[in-house]
C-alpha atoms as a PDB file:
ATOM      1  CA  MET A   1      99.538 -46.880-143.984  1.00  0.00           C
ATOM      2  CA  GLU A   2     100.618 -50.066-145.753  1.00  0.00           C
ATOM      3  CA  LYS A   3     103.432 -48.159-147.473  1.00  0.00           C
ATOM      4  CA  ILE A   4     104.685 -46.847-144.120  1.00  0.00           C
ATOM      5  CA  ALA A   5     104.630 -50.371-142.667  1.00  0.00           C
ATOM      6  CA  LYS A   6     106.685 -51.635-145.613  1.00  0.00           C
ATOM      7  CA  ILE A   7     109.214 -48.796-145.232  1.00  0.00           C
ATOM      8  CA  ILE A   8     109.619 -49.608-141.520  1.00  0.00           C
ATOM      9  CA  SER A   9     110.151 -53.277-142.404  1.00  0.00           C
ATOM     10  CA  VAL A  10     112.898 -52.334-144.880  1.00  0.00           C
ATOM     11  CA  ILE A  11     114.661 -49.767-142.680  1.00  0.00           C
ATOM     12  CA  LEU A  12     114.581 -52.165-139.734  1.00  0.00           C
ATOM     13  CA  HIS A  13     115.397 -55.282-141.742  1.00  0.00           C
ATOM     14  CA  PRO A  14     117.087 -57.982-139.598  1.00  0.00           C
ATOM     15  CA  VAL A  15     120.521 -57.694-141.251  1.00  0.00           C
ATOM     16  CA  LEU A  16     120.479 -53.891-140.934  1.00  0.00           C
ATOM     17  CA  VAL A  17     119.458 -54.189-137.284  1.00  0.00           C
ATOM     18  CA  ALA A  18     122.311 -56.667-136.690  1.00  0.00           C
ATOM     19  CA  PHE A  19     124.768 -54.182-138.227  1.00  0.00           C
ATOM     20  CA  TRP A  20     123.415 -51.323-136.130  1.00  0.00           C
ATOM     21  CA  GLY A  21     123.833 -53.492-133.048  1.00  0.00           C
ATOM     22  CA  PHE A  22     127.462 -54.061-133.963  1.00  0.00           C
ATOM     23  CA  GLU A  23     127.927 -50.301-134.330  1.00  0.00           C
ATOM     24  CA  ILE A  24     126.392 -49.700-130.914  1.00  0.00           C
ATOM     25  CA  VAL A  25     128.828 -52.140-129.317  1.00  0.00           C
ATOM     26  CA  LEU A  26     131.769 -50.671-131.255  1.00  0.00           C
ATOM     27  CA  PHE A  27     131.092 -47.011-130.492  1.00  0.00           C
ATOM     28  CA  ARG A  28     129.134 -47.170-127.224  1.00  0.00           C
ATOM     29  CA  MET A  29     131.736 -49.341-125.529  1.00  0.00           C
ATOM     30  CA  ASN A  30     134.360 -46.879-126.784  1.00  0.00           C
ATOM     31  CA  PRO A  31     137.384 -49.088-126.013  1.00  0.00           C
ATOM     32  CA  LEU A  32     140.514 -46.979-125.742  1.00  0.00           C
ATOM     33  CA  PHE A  33     142.610 -49.514-127.650  1.00  0.00           C
ATOM     34  CA  ILE A  34     140.515 -49.042-130.833  1.00  0.00           C
ATOM     35  CA  ASN A  35     141.171 -45.634-132.385  1.00  0.00           C
ATOM     36  CA  ASP A  36     138.750 -43.777-134.641  1.00  0.00           C
ATOM     37  CA  LYS A  37     140.389 -44.963-137.872  1.00  0.00           C
ATOM     38  CA  ALA A  38     140.164 -48.584-136.729  1.00  0.00           C
ATOM     39  CA  LYS A  39     136.489 -48.110-135.830  1.00  0.00           C
ATOM     40  CA  ILE A  40     135.715 -46.712-139.284  1.00  0.00           C
ATOM     41  CA  LEU A  41     137.583 -49.567-140.946  1.00  0.00           C
ATOM     42  CA  LEU A  42     135.782 -52.140-138.798  1.00  0.00           C
ATOM     43  CA  SER A  43     132.460 -50.485-139.615  1.00  0.00           C
ATOM     44  CA  ILE A  44     133.135 -50.719-143.356  1.00  0.00           C
ATOM     45  CA  ILE A  45     134.131 -54.380-143.100  1.00  0.00           C
ATOM     46  CA  ALA A  46     131.097 -55.125-140.924  1.00  0.00           C
ATOM     47  CA  LEU A  47     128.836 -53.359-143.420  1.00  0.00           C
ATOM     48  CA  GLY A  48     130.187 -55.579-146.175  1.00  0.00           C
ATOM     49  CA  PHE A  49     129.779 -58.917-144.397  1.00  0.00           C
ATOM     50  CA  MET A  50     126.671 -58.145-142.344  1.00  0.00           C
ATOM     51  CA  VAL A  51     124.622 -56.138-144.853  1.00  0.00           C
ATOM     52  CA  ILE A  52     125.937 -55.920-148.413  1.00  0.00           C
ATOM     53  CA  ILE A  53     126.742 -59.607-148.920  1.00  0.00           C
ATOM     54  CA  PRO A  54     123.460 -60.912-147.377  1.00  0.00           C
ATOM     55  CA  PHE A  55     121.403 -58.412-149.392  1.00  0.00           C
ATOM     56  CA  ALA A  56     123.352 -59.230-152.547  1.00  0.00           C
ATOM     57  CA  ILE A  57     122.660 -62.935-152.010  1.00  0.00           C
ATOM     58  CA  ILE A  58     118.942 -62.280-151.606  1.00  0.00           C
ATOM     59  CA  VAL A  59     118.676 -60.003-154.662  1.00  0.00           C
ATOM     60  CA  LEU A  60     120.834 -62.282-156.820  1.00  0.00           C
ATOM     61  CA  GLY A  61     118.813 -65.318-155.752  1.00  0.00           C
ATOM     62  CA  TYR A  62     115.601 -63.500-156.637  1.00  0.00           C
ATOM     63  CA  TYR A  63     116.774 -62.547-160.131  1.00  0.00           C
ATOM     64  CA  MET A  64     118.101 -66.071-160.695  1.00  0.00           C
ATOM     65  CA  ARG A  65     114.654 -67.321-159.601  1.00  0.00           C
ATOM     66  CA  VAL A  66     116.088 -69.275-156.698  1.00  0.00           C
ATOM     67  CA  PHE A  67     113.825 -67.242-154.410  1.00  0.00           C
ATOM     68  CA  PRO A  68     110.230 -66.718-155.599  1.00  0.00           C
ATOM     69  CA  SER A  69     109.995 -63.298-153.923  1.00  0.00           C
ATOM     70  CA  LEU A  70     111.902 -60.892-151.707  1.00  0.00           C
ATOM     71  CA  GLN A  71     109.342 -61.237-148.903  1.00  0.00           C
ATOM     72  CA  PHE A  72     109.901 -64.938-148.038  1.00  0.00           C
ATOM     73  CA  GLU A  73     106.253 -65.420-147.085  1.00  0.00           C
ATOM     74  CA  LYS A  74     106.684 -69.148-146.472  1.00  0.00           C
ATOM     75  CA  LYS A  75     109.030 -70.495-143.832  1.00  0.00           C
ATOM     76  CA  GLU A  76     110.591 -72.913-146.338  1.00  0.00           C
ATOM     77  CA  GLN A  77     111.823 -69.964-148.403  1.00  0.00           C
ATOM     78  CA  ARG A  78     113.962 -68.715-145.521  1.00  0.00           C
ATOM     79  CA  TYR A  79     116.316 -71.654-145.125  1.00  0.00           C
ATOM     80  CA  LEU A  80     118.886 -70.784-147.779  1.00  0.00           C
ATOM     81  CA  PRO A  81     118.985 -66.989-147.175  1.00  0.00           C
ATOM     82  CA  VAL A  82     119.437 -67.497-143.425  1.00  0.00           C
ATOM     83  CA  ILE A  83     122.153 -70.129-143.908  1.00  0.00           C
ATOM     84  CA  LEU A  84     124.093 -68.006-146.406  1.00  0.00           C
ATOM     85  CA  SER A  85     123.731 -64.882-144.268  1.00  0.00           C
ATOM     86  CA  ALA A  86     124.944 -66.785-141.198  1.00  0.00           C
ATOM     87  CA  PHE A  87     127.930 -68.022-143.208  1.00  0.00           C
ATOM     88  CA  SER A  88     128.782 -64.426-144.182  1.00  0.00           C
ATOM     89  CA  PHE A  89     128.520 -63.423-140.516  1.00  0.00           C
ATOM     90  CA  TYR A  90     130.793 -66.319-139.620  1.00  0.00           C
ATOM     91  CA  ILE A  91     133.493 -65.148-142.049  1.00  0.00           C
ATOM     92  CA  PHE A  92     133.380 -61.764-140.332  1.00  0.00           C
ATOM     93  CA  TYR A  93     133.522 -63.459-136.927  1.00  0.00           C
ATOM     94  CA  TYR A  94     136.583 -65.425-138.065  1.00  0.00           C
ATOM     95  CA  PHE A  95     138.209 -62.159-139.152  1.00  0.00           C
ATOM     96  CA  LEU A  96     137.562 -60.623-135.727  1.00  0.00           C
ATOM     97  CA  SER A  97     138.852 -63.725-133.951  1.00  0.00           C
ATOM     98  CA  GLN A  98     142.304 -63.120-135.424  1.00  0.00           C
ATOM     99  CA  TYR A  99     142.609 -60.028-133.234  1.00  0.00           C
ATOM    100  CA  LYS A 100     142.345 -60.597-129.490  1.00  0.00           C
ATOM    101  CA  LEU A 101     141.481 -56.934-128.910  1.00  0.00           C
ATOM    102  CA  PHE A 102     138.020 -57.416-130.380  1.00  0.00           C
ATOM    103  CA  THR A 103     136.753 -59.966-127.844  1.00  0.00           C
ATOM    104  CA  PHE A 104     133.445 -58.261-127.093  1.00  0.00           C
ATOM    105  CA  LEU A 105     132.767 -57.610-130.779  1.00  0.00           C
ATOM    106  CA  GLN A 106     133.440 -61.301-131.383  1.00  0.00           C
ATOM    107  CA  LEU A 107     130.890 -62.197-128.699  1.00  0.00           C
ATOM    108  CA  TYR A 108     128.238 -60.017-130.330  1.00  0.00           C
ATOM    109  CA  THR A 109     128.878 -61.439-133.803  1.00  0.00           C
ATOM    110  CA  LEU A 110     128.955 -65.050-132.569  1.00  0.00           C
ATOM    111  CA  THR A 111     125.740 -64.517-130.620  1.00  0.00           C
ATOM    112  CA  ALA A 112     124.095 -63.105-133.755  1.00  0.00           C
ATOM    113  CA  ILE A 113     125.109 -66.271-135.632  1.00  0.00           C
ATOM    114  CA  LEU A 114     123.733 -68.520-132.881  1.00  0.00           C
ATOM    115  CA  ILE A 115     120.443 -66.605-132.837  1.00  0.00           C
ATOM    116  CA  MET A 116     120.198 -67.006-136.619  1.00  0.00           C
ATOM    117  CA  ALA A 117     120.848 -70.725-136.224  1.00  0.00           C
ATOM    118  CA  THR A 118     118.118 -70.914-133.584  1.00  0.00           C
ATOM    119  CA  ALA A 119     115.707 -69.075-135.884  1.00  0.00           C
ATOM    120  CA  LEU A 120     116.578 -71.491-138.678  1.00  0.00           C
ATOM    121  CA  LEU A 121     115.832 -74.515-136.491  1.00  0.00           C
ATOM    122  CA  ILE A 122     112.519 -73.032-135.377  1.00  0.00           C
ATOM    123  CA  SER A 123     111.656 -72.232-139.011  1.00  0.00           C
ATOM    124  CA  PHE A 124     111.731 -75.934-139.854  1.00  0.00           C
ATOM    125  CA  PHE A 125     108.597 -76.287-137.732  1.00  0.00           C
ATOM    126  CA  TRP A 126     107.126 -72.812-137.391  1.00  0.00           C
ATOM    127  CA  LYS A 127     107.267 -69.361-138.986  1.00  0.00           C
ATOM    128  CA  ILE A 128     108.991 -67.131-136.448  1.00  0.00           C
ATOM    129  CA  SER A 129     109.330 -63.390-137.097  1.00  0.00           C
ATOM    130  CA  LEU A 130     112.941 -62.608-137.989  1.00  0.00           C
ATOM    131  CA  HIS A 131     112.245 -58.859-137.756  1.00  0.00           C
ATOM    132  CA  SER A 132     110.996 -59.228-134.183  1.00  0.00           C
ATOM    133  CA  LEU A 133     113.862 -61.567-133.332  1.00  0.00           C
ATOM    134  CA  ALA A 134     116.408 -58.966-134.507  1.00  0.00           C
ATOM    135  CA  MET A 135     114.776 -56.172-132.514  1.00  0.00           C
ATOM    136  CA  GLY A 136     114.627 -58.414-129.463  1.00  0.00           C
ATOM    137  CA  ALA A 137     118.343 -59.127-129.853  1.00  0.00           C
ATOM    138  CA  ILE A 138     119.188 -55.411-129.865  1.00  0.00           C
ATOM    139  CA  THR A 139     117.005 -54.843-126.807  1.00  0.00           C
ATOM    140  CA  GLY A 140     118.691 -57.747-125.047  1.00  0.00           C
ATOM    141  CA  MET A 141     122.121 -56.499-126.046  1.00  0.00           C
ATOM    142  CA  LEU A 142     121.482 -53.117-124.434  1.00  0.00           C
ATOM    143  CA  ILE A 143     120.196 -54.768-121.257  1.00  0.00           C
ATOM    144  CA  GLY A 144     123.222 -57.069-121.239  1.00  0.00           C
ATOM    145  CA  LEU A 145     125.596 -54.118-121.602  1.00  0.00           C
ATOM    146  CA  SER A 146     123.945 -52.284-118.727  1.00  0.00           C
ATOM    147  CA  PHE A 147     124.206 -55.303-116.413  1.00  0.00           C
ATOM    148  CA  ARG A 148     127.733 -56.310-117.332  1.00  0.00           C
ATOM    149  CA  PHE A 149     129.355 -52.870-117.431  1.00  0.00           C
ATOM    150  CA  ASN A 150     126.935 -50.816-115.326  1.00  0.00           C
ATOM    151  CA  MET A 151     126.368 -48.519-118.304  1.00  0.00           C
ATOM    152  CA  PHE A 152     123.597 -45.929-118.528  1.00  0.00           C
ATOM    153  CA  ILE A 153     121.766 -46.915-121.686  1.00  0.00           C
ATOM    154  CA  LEU A 154     118.211 -45.853-120.783  1.00  0.00           C
ATOM    155  CA  PRO A 155     117.752 -43.455-123.769  1.00  0.00           C
ATOM    156  CA  GLU A 156     118.951 -46.106-126.247  1.00  0.00           C
ATOM    157  CA  LEU A 157     116.834 -48.766-124.545  1.00  0.00           C
ATOM    158  CA  ILE A 158     113.653 -46.650-124.661  1.00  0.00           C
ATOM    159  CA  LEU A 159     114.253 -45.836-128.345  1.00  0.00           C
ATOM    160  CA  THR A 160     114.844 -49.502-129.151  1.00  0.00           C
ATOM    161  CA  ILE A 161     111.672 -50.603-127.378  1.00  0.00           C
ATOM    162  CA  LEU A 162     109.665 -47.961-129.274  1.00  0.00           C
ATOM    163  CA  LEU A 163     111.200 -49.083-132.584  1.00  0.00           C
ATOM    164  CA  SER A 164     110.466 -52.693-131.642  1.00  0.00           C
ATOM    165  CA  GLY A 165     106.827 -51.765-131.198  1.00  0.00           C
ATOM    166  CA  LEU A 166     106.819 -50.150-134.639  1.00  0.00           C
ATOM    167  CA  VAL A 167     108.380 -53.225-136.218  1.00  0.00           C
ATOM    168  CA  ILE A 168     105.991 -55.670-134.548  1.00  0.00           C
ATOM    169  CA  GLY A 169     103.031 -53.458-135.388  1.00  0.00           C
ATOM    170  CA  SER A 170     104.157 -53.213-139.017  1.00  0.00           C
ATOM    171  CA  ARG A 171     104.562 -56.964-139.403  1.00  0.00           C
ATOM    172  CA  LEU A 172     101.122 -57.531-137.901  1.00  0.00           C
ATOM    173  CA  PHE A 173      99.550 -54.811-140.067  1.00  0.00           C
ATOM    174  CA  LEU A 174     101.051 -56.333-143.208  1.00  0.00           C
ATOM    175  CA  ASN A 175      99.624 -59.676-142.076  1.00  0.00           C
ATOM    176  CA  VAL A 176     103.035 -61.302-142.527  1.00  0.00           C
ATOM    177  CA  HIS A 177     102.985 -62.756-139.010  1.00  0.00           C
ATOM    178  CA  ASN A 178     100.540 -63.306-136.195  1.00  0.00           C
ATOM    179  CA  ARG A 179     101.008 -62.087-132.626  1.00  0.00           C
ATOM    180  CA  SER A 180     102.608 -65.258-131.276  1.00  0.00           C
ATOM    181  CA  GLN A 181     105.179 -65.327-134.110  1.00  0.00           C
ATOM    182  CA  THR A 182     106.249 -61.756-133.404  1.00  0.00           C
ATOM    183  CA  TYR A 183     106.201 -61.998-129.596  1.00  0.00           C
ATOM    184  CA  ILE A 184     108.098 -65.272-129.446  1.00  0.00           C
ATOM    185  CA  GLY A 185     110.609 -63.961-131.985  1.00  0.00           C
ATOM    186  CA  TYR A 186     111.216 -60.955-129.751  1.00  0.00           C
ATOM    187  CA  LEU A 187     111.651 -63.130-126.668  1.00  0.00           C
ATOM    188  CA  VAL A 188     114.052 -65.555-128.394  1.00  0.00           C
ATOM    189  CA  GLY A 189     116.253 -62.695-129.587  1.00  0.00           C
ATOM    190  CA  SER A 190     116.305 -60.793-126.307  1.00  0.00           C
ATOM    191  CA  ILE A 191     116.762 -63.752-123.952  1.00  0.00           C
ATOM    192  CA  GLY A 192     119.446 -65.290-126.156  1.00  0.00           C
ATOM    193  CA  ILE A 193     121.702 -62.255-126.250  1.00  0.00           C
ATOM    194  CA  ILE A 194     121.079 -61.218-122.628  1.00  0.00           C
ATOM    195  CA  THR A 195     122.251 -64.671-121.560  1.00  0.00           C
ATOM    196  CA  ALA A 196     125.365 -64.496-123.746  1.00  0.00           C
ATOM    197  CA  PHE A 197     126.361 -60.993-122.608  1.00  0.00           C
ATOM    198  CA  ILE A 198     125.873 -61.697-118.905  1.00  0.00           C
ATOM    199  CA  LEU A 199     127.421 -65.197-118.774  1.00  0.00           C
ATOM    200  CA  PHE A 200     130.279 -64.771-121.226  1.00  0.00           C
END
């Protein structure tokens, strides 16, 4: 059971969840002005800045003994990885901002950065669950899309809520977080992105 919980935590790692959220916006919105080749190219670039670079930073930092482990059990160990990951996201956001056609993708990426910044600030005082925060952000994104564009996203929303339950359950089972850390993380992520998608 512990092995399954660890696999779920890896598959639904926050940076992977952020990338999957970007893909949902890119392909679910299906803007006519972005052809299939452009979507594939954007996906590759997003994969690089949102997943490969953050993971490379974490692994490199671990082997250089900057990070004591890959689990970041203590909140103090999260500061540098979150800052560097947010910076990588920002470079990608800057790339998107050069093209006015990608406005909604820019909003998603910028919101992801702001949520990471919020998590960083909270981590100075308290150990919030980044896994739960990421799943909450995806849930909020789907709700925001449905409100703003009157889209039918019930199947995706149900799947996301079920996956969120798996993630929260896994983090609790591994004793990495307590209930309040996971629940509040989920609320921060969901409320933050719902607000951004509806207001902006």
